[in-house]
PDB file of all heavy atoms in Angstrom:
ATOM      1  N   GLY A   1     200.381 279.693 160.848  1.00  0.00           N
ATOM      2  CA  GLY A   1     199.169 279.477 161.597  1.00  0.00           C
ATOM      3  C   GLY A   1     199.075 278.097 162.261  1.00  0.00           C
ATOM      4  O   GLY A   1     197.965 277.870 162.803  1.00  0.00           O
ATOM      5  N   ALA A   2     200.061 277.334 162.320  1.00  0.00           N
ATOM      6  CA  ALA A   2     200.013 276.024 162.975  1.00  0.00           C
ATOM      7  C   ALA A   2     199.702 276.249 164.466  1.00  0.00           C
ATOM      8  O   ALA A   2     200.193 277.170 165.037  1.00  0.00           O
ATOM      9  CB  ALA A   2     201.292 275.214 162.673  1.00  0.00           C
ATOM     10  N   VAL A   3     199.064 275.227 165.022  1.00  0.00           N
ATOM     11  CA  VAL A   3     198.731 275.319 166.460  1.00  0.00           C
ATOM     12  C   VAL A   3     199.875 274.693 167.330  1.00  0.00           C
ATOM     13  O   VAL A   3     200.696 273.979 166.839  1.00  0.00           O
ATOM     14  CB  VAL A   3     197.373 274.622 166.770  1.00  0.00           C
ATOM     15  CG1 VAL A   3     196.246 275.336 165.981  1.00  0.00           C
ATOM     16  CG2 VAL A   3     197.397 273.127 166.390  1.00  0.00           C
ATOM     17  N   GLY A   4     199.739 274.898 168.695  1.00  0.00           N
ATOM     18  CA  GLY A   4     200.687 274.326 169.587  1.00  0.00           C
ATOM     19  C   GLY A   4     202.081 274.893 169.552  1.00  0.00           C
ATOM     20  O   GLY A   4     203.086 274.255 169.871  1.00  0.00           O
ATOM     21  N   MET A   5     202.226 276.178 169.063  1.00  0.00           N
ATOM     22  CA  MET A   5     203.549 276.722 168.884  1.00  0.00           C
ATOM     23  C   MET A   5     204.301 277.022 170.146  1.00  0.00           C
ATOM     24  O   MET A   5     205.510 276.865 170.221  1.00  0.00           O
ATOM     25  CB  MET A   5     203.388 277.994 168.063  1.00  0.00           C
ATOM     26  CG  MET A   5     204.668 278.537 167.489  1.00  0.00           C
ATOM     27  SD  MET A   5     205.520 277.328 166.539  1.00  0.00           S
ATOM     28  CE  MET A   5     204.376 277.103 165.169  1.00  0.00           C
ATOM     29  N   LYS A   6     203.534 277.382 171.222  1.00  0.00           N
ATOM     30  CA  LYS A   6     204.206 277.715 172.529  1.00  0.00           C
ATOM     31  C   LYS A   6     204.968 276.488 173.049  1.00  0.00           C
ATOM     32  O   LYS A   6     206.184 276.577 173.462  1.00  0.00           O
ATOM     33  CB  LYS A   6     203.164 278.166 173.557  1.00  0.00           C
ATOM     34  CG  LYS A   6     203.744 278.580 174.838  1.00  0.00           C
ATOM     35  CD  LYS A   6     202.702 279.087 175.838  1.00  0.00           C
ATOM     36  CE  LYS A   6     203.335 279.561 177.102  1.00  0.00           C
ATOM     37  NZ  LYS A   6     202.303 280.026 178.084  1.00  0.00           N
ATOM     38  N   GLU A   7     204.365 275.299 173.038  1.00  0.00           N
ATOM     39  CA  GLU A   7     205.009 274.118 173.498  1.00  0.00           C
ATOM     40  C   GLU A   7     206.206 273.769 172.607  1.00  0.00           C
ATOM     41  O   GLU A   7     207.221 273.360 173.092  1.00  0.00           O
ATOM     42  CB  GLU A   7     203.973 272.941 173.485  1.00  0.00           C
ATOM     43  CG  GLU A   7     202.898 273.014 174.592  1.00  0.00           C
ATOM     44  CD  GLU A   7     201.791 274.010 174.223  1.00  0.00           C
ATOM     45  OE1 GLU A   7     201.825 274.486 172.994  1.00  0.00           O
ATOM     46  OE2 GLU A   7     200.941 274.282 175.054  1.00  0.00           O
ATOM     47  N   LEU A   8     206.051 273.998 171.311  1.00  0.00           N
ATOM     48  CA  LEU A   8     207.134 273.682 170.395  1.00  0.00           C
ATOM     49  C   LEU A   8     208.370 274.533 170.674  1.00  0.00           C
ATOM     50  O   LEU A   8     209.457 274.011 170.638  1.00  0.00           O
ATOM     51  CB  LEU A   8     206.622 273.916 168.936  1.00  0.00           C
ATOM     52  CG  LEU A   8     207.666 273.651 167.794  1.00  0.00           C
ATOM     53  CD1 LEU A   8     207.855 272.183 167.688  1.00  0.00           C
ATOM     54  CD2 LEU A   8     207.165 274.264 166.509  1.00  0.00           C
ATOM     55  N   MET A   9     208.122 275.789 170.963  1.00  0.00           N
ATOM     56  CA  MET A   9     209.236 276.725 171.184  1.00  0.00           C
ATOM     57  C   MET A   9     209.883 276.487 172.534  1.00  0.00           C
ATOM     58  O   MET A   9     211.082 276.908 172.692  1.00  0.00           O
ATOM     59  CB  MET A   9     208.713 278.196 171.019  1.00  0.00           C
ATOM     60  CG  MET A   9     208.246 278.540 169.647  1.00  0.00           C
ATOM     61  SD  MET A   9     209.386 277.954 168.300  1.00  0.00           S
ATOM     62  CE  MET A   9     210.848 278.974 168.644  1.00  0.00           C
ATOM     63  N   GLN A  10     209.153 275.919 173.468  1.00  0.00           N
ATOM     64  CA  GLN A  10     209.811 275.575 174.703  1.00  0.00           C
ATOM     65  C   GLN A  10     210.882 274.512 174.534  1.00  0.00           C
ATOM     66  O   GLN A  10     211.984 274.643 175.135  1.00  0.00           O
ATOM     67  CB  GLN A  10     208.738 275.147 175.766  1.00  0.00           C
ATOM     68  CG  GLN A  10     207.857 276.300 176.298  1.00  0.00           C
ATOM     69  CD  GLN A  10     206.822 275.844 177.194  1.00  0.00           C
ATOM     70  OE1 GLN A  10     206.475 274.669 177.246  1.00  0.00           O
ATOM     71  NE2 GLN A  10     206.295 276.747 178.069  1.00  0.00           N
ATOM     72  N   SER A  11     210.586 273.523 173.715  1.00  0.00           N
ATOM     73  CA  SER A  11     211.588 272.519 173.405  1.00  0.00           C
ATOM     74  C   SER A  11     212.721 273.133 172.647  1.00  0.00           C
ATOM     75  O   SER A  11     213.919 272.709 172.800  1.00  0.00           O
ATOM     76  CB  SER A  11     210.920 271.338 172.618  1.00  0.00           C
ATOM     77  OG  SER A  11     209.938 270.706 173.380  1.00  0.00           O
ATOM     78  N   TRP A  12     212.406 274.097 171.767  1.00  0.00           N
ATOM     79  CA  TRP A  12     213.467 274.780 170.945  1.00  0.00           C
ATOM     80  C   TRP A  12     214.459 275.443 171.876  1.00  0.00           C
ATOM     81  O   TRP A  12     215.685 275.467 171.763  1.00  0.00           O
ATOM     82  CB  TRP A  12     212.814 275.792 170.035  1.00  0.00           C
ATOM     83  CG  TRP A  12     213.721 276.639 169.274  1.00  0.00           C
ATOM     84  CD1 TRP A  12     214.320 276.365 168.028  1.00  0.00           C
ATOM     85  CD2 TRP A  12     214.037 278.008 169.568  1.00  0.00           C
ATOM     86  NE1 TRP A  12     215.040 277.479 167.628  1.00  0.00           N
ATOM     87  CE2 TRP A  12     214.899 278.447 168.466  1.00  0.00           C
ATOM     88  CE3 TRP A  12     213.722 278.903 170.556  1.00  0.00           C
ATOM     89  CZ2 TRP A  12     215.417 279.703 168.473  1.00  0.00           C
ATOM     90  CZ3 TRP A  12     214.251 280.154 170.539  1.00  0.00           C
ATOM     91  CH2 TRP A  12     215.131 280.600 169.529  1.00  0.00           C
ATOM     92  N   LEU A  13     213.863 276.207 172.914  1.00  0.00           N
ATOM     93  CA  LEU A  13     214.731 276.902 173.871  1.00  0.00           C
ATOM     94  C   LEU A  13     215.494 275.980 174.713  1.00  0.00           C
ATOM     95  O   LEU A  13     216.680 276.215 174.985  1.00  0.00           O
ATOM     96  CB  LEU A  13     213.819 277.776 174.753  1.00  0.00           C
ATOM     97  CG  LEU A  13     214.542 278.530 175.890  1.00  0.00           C
ATOM     98  CD1 LEU A  13     215.459 279.543 175.325  1.00  0.00           C
ATOM     99  CD2 LEU A  13     213.541 279.169 176.826  1.00  0.00           C
ATOM    100  N   LEU A  14     214.926 274.814 175.141  1.00  0.00           N
ATOM    101  CA  LEU A  14     215.577 273.842 175.996  1.00  0.00           C
ATOM    102  C   LEU A  14     216.853 273.418 175.259  1.00  0.00           C
ATOM    103  O   LEU A  14     217.918 273.219 175.906  1.00  0.00           O
ATOM    104  CB  LEU A  14     214.612 272.697 176.210  1.00  0.00           C
ATOM    105  CG  LEU A  14     215.327 271.505 176.950  1.00  0.00           C
ATOM    106  CD1 LEU A  14     215.860 271.925 178.313  1.00  0.00           C
ATOM    107  CD2 LEU A  14     214.343 270.407 177.136  1.00  0.00           C
ATOM    108  N   ALA A  15     216.836 273.051 174.039  1.00  0.00           N
ATOM    109  CA  ALA A  15     217.983 272.566 173.256  1.00  0.00           C
ATOM    110  C   ALA A  15     219.056 273.659 173.329  1.00  0.00           C
ATOM    111  O   ALA A  15     220.235 273.304 173.576  1.00  0.00           O
ATOM    112  CB  ALA A  15     217.651 272.213 171.928  1.00  0.00           C
ATOM    113  N   GLY A  16     218.759 274.893 173.109  1.00  0.00           N
ATOM    114  CA  GLY A  16     219.666 275.993 173.163  1.00  0.00           C
ATOM    115  C   GLY A  16     220.328 276.130 174.554  1.00  0.00           C
ATOM    116  O   GLY A  16     221.589 276.317 174.636  1.00  0.00           O
ATOM    117  N   ILE A  17     219.512 276.051 175.597  1.00  0.00           N
ATOM    118  CA  ILE A  17     220.009 276.125 176.903  1.00  0.00           C
ATOM    119  C   ILE A  17     220.992 274.983 177.248  1.00  0.00           C
ATOM    120  O   ILE A  17     222.066 275.229 177.933  1.00  0.00           O
ATOM    121  CB  ILE A  17     218.838 276.133 177.960  1.00  0.00           C
ATOM    122  CG1 ILE A  17     218.096 277.482 177.877  1.00  0.00           C
ATOM    123  CG2 ILE A  17     219.349 275.900 179.338  1.00  0.00           C
ATOM    124  CD1 ILE A  17     216.829 277.537 178.714  1.00  0.00           C
ATOM    125  N   ILE A  18     220.663 273.817 176.854  1.00  0.00           N
ATOM    126  CA  ILE A  18     221.539 272.670 177.152  1.00  0.00           C
ATOM    127  C   ILE A  18     222.947 272.788 176.503  1.00  0.00           C
ATOM    128  O   ILE A  18     223.918 272.536 177.124  1.00  0.00           O
ATOM    129  CB  ILE A  18     220.881 271.400 176.627  1.00  0.00           C
ATOM    130  CG1 ILE A  18     219.706 270.952 177.491  1.00  0.00           C
ATOM    131  CG2 ILE A  18     221.893 270.183 176.551  1.00  0.00           C
ATOM    132  CD1 ILE A  18     218.866 269.766 176.977  1.00  0.00           C
ATOM    133  N   VAL A  19     222.937 273.390 175.276  1.00  0.00           N
ATOM    134  CA  VAL A  19     224.219 273.569 174.605  1.00  0.00           C
ATOM    135  C   VAL A  19     224.973 274.735 175.235  1.00  0.00           C
ATOM    136  O   VAL A  19     226.202 274.650 175.361  1.00  0.00           O
ATOM    137  CB  VAL A  19     224.038 273.774 173.058  1.00  0.00           C
ATOM    138  CG1 VAL A  19     225.426 274.143 172.411  1.00  0.00           C
ATOM    139  CG2 VAL A  19     223.393 272.593 172.434  1.00  0.00           C
ATOM    140  N   VAL A  20     224.269 275.727 175.722  1.00  0.00           N
ATOM    141  CA  VAL A  20     224.937 276.818 176.442  1.00  0.00           C
ATOM    142  C   VAL A  20     225.610 276.294 177.737  1.00  0.00           C
ATOM    143  O   VAL A  20     226.695 276.647 178.059  1.00  0.00           O
ATOM    144  CB  VAL A  20     223.926 277.964 176.752  1.00  0.00           C
ATOM    145  CG1 VAL A  20     224.560 278.981 177.748  1.00  0.00           C
ATOM    146  CG2 VAL A  20     223.560 278.706 175.479  1.00  0.00           C
ATOM    147  N   ILE A  21     224.865 275.409 178.435  1.00  0.00           N
ATOM    148  CA  ILE A  21     225.383 274.817 179.639  1.00  0.00           C
ATOM    149  C   ILE A  21     226.676 274.071 179.279  1.00  0.00           C
ATOM    150  O   ILE A  21     227.727 274.119 180.049  1.00  0.00           O
ATOM    151  CB  ILE A  21     224.374 273.841 180.233  1.00  0.00           C
ATOM    152  CG1 ILE A  21     223.280 274.727 180.847  1.00  0.00           C
ATOM    153  CG2 ILE A  21     225.081 273.020 181.370  1.00  0.00           C
ATOM    154  CD1 ILE A  21     222.077 273.854 181.430  1.00  0.00           C
ATOM    155  N   SER A  22     226.687 273.305 178.200  1.00  0.00           N
ATOM    156  CA  SER A  22     227.855 272.544 177.754  1.00  0.00           C
ATOM    157  C   SER A  22     229.034 273.407 177.567  1.00  0.00           C
ATOM    158  O   SER A  22     230.257 273.028 177.729  1.00  0.00           O
ATOM    159  CB  SER A  22     227.585 271.664 176.497  1.00  0.00           C
ATOM    160  OG  SER A  22     227.579 272.477 175.340  1.00  0.00           O
ATOM    161  N   LEU A  23     228.845 274.723 177.124  1.00  0.00           N
ATOM    162  CA  LEU A  23     229.912 275.661 176.929  1.00  0.00           C
ATOM    163  C   LEU A  23     230.395 276.292 178.197  1.00  0.00           C
ATOM    164  O   LEU A  23     231.541 276.269 178.492  1.00  0.00           O
ATOM    165  CB  LEU A  23     229.439 276.667 175.870  1.00  0.00           C
ATOM    166  CG  LEU A  23     229.316 276.308 174.490  1.00  0.00           C
ATOM    167  CD1 LEU A  23     228.480 277.312 173.683  1.00  0.00           C
ATOM    168  CD2 LEU A  23     230.683 276.078 173.792  1.00  0.00           C
ATOM    169  N   THR A  24     229.411 276.893 178.938  1.00  0.00           N
ATOM    170  CA  THR A  24     229.755 277.721 180.162  1.00  0.00           C
ATOM    171  C   THR A  24     230.346 276.884 181.216  1.00  0.00           C
ATOM    172  O   THR A  24     231.219 277.219 181.927  1.00  0.00           O
ATOM    173  CB  THR A  24     228.606 278.527 180.624  1.00  0.00           C
ATOM    174  OG1 THR A  24     227.423 277.672 180.894  1.00  0.00           O
ATOM    175  CG2 THR A  24     228.150 279.527 179.540  1.00  0.00           C
ATOM    176  N   VAL A  25     229.699 275.641 181.489  1.00  0.00           N
ATOM    177  CA  VAL A  25     230.224 274.782 182.560  1.00  0.00           C
ATOM    178  C   VAL A  25     231.581 274.198 182.233  1.00  0.00           C
ATOM    179  O   VAL A  25     232.473 274.216 182.997  1.00  0.00           O
ATOM    180  CB  VAL A  25     229.181 273.685 182.814  1.00  0.00           C
ATOM    181  CG1 VAL A  25     229.775 272.653 183.807  1.00  0.00           C
ATOM    182  CG2 VAL A  25     227.886 274.208 183.316  1.00  0.00           C
ATOM    183  N   THR A  26     231.751 273.848 180.964  1.00  0.00           N
ATOM    184  CA  THR A  26     233.096 273.363 180.493  1.00  0.00           C
ATOM    185  C   THR A  26     234.162 274.400 180.748  1.00  0.00           C
ATOM    186  O   THR A  26     235.246 274.126 181.314  1.00  0.00           O
ATOM    187  CB  THR A  26     233.099 273.001 179.015  1.00  0.00           C
ATOM    188  OG1 THR A  26     232.194 271.825 178.823  1.00  0.00           O
ATOM    189  CG2 THR A  26     234.439 272.661 178.501  1.00  0.00           C
ATOM    190  N   LEU A  27     233.830 275.623 180.389  1.00  0.00           N
ATOM    191  CA  LEU A  27     234.816 276.721 180.563  1.00  0.00           C
ATOM    192  C   LEU A  27     235.090 276.940 182.048  1.00  0.00           C
ATOM    193  O   LEU A  27     236.270 277.220 182.447  1.00  0.00           O
ATOM    194  CB  LEU A  27     234.302 278.011 179.897  1.00  0.00           C
ATOM    195  CG  LEU A  27     235.282 279.216 179.708  1.00  0.00           C
ATOM    196  CD1 LEU A  27     236.372 278.706 178.835  1.00  0.00           C
ATOM    197  CD2 LEU A  27     234.621 280.289 179.033  1.00  0.00           C
TER     198      LEU A  27
END
């Protein structure tokens, strides 16, 4: 029940996207 979860999960997704970029662009 903690508040502000949407903003928190946007940062969570951003980290995942950045690492995916490091993989796909490198390849």
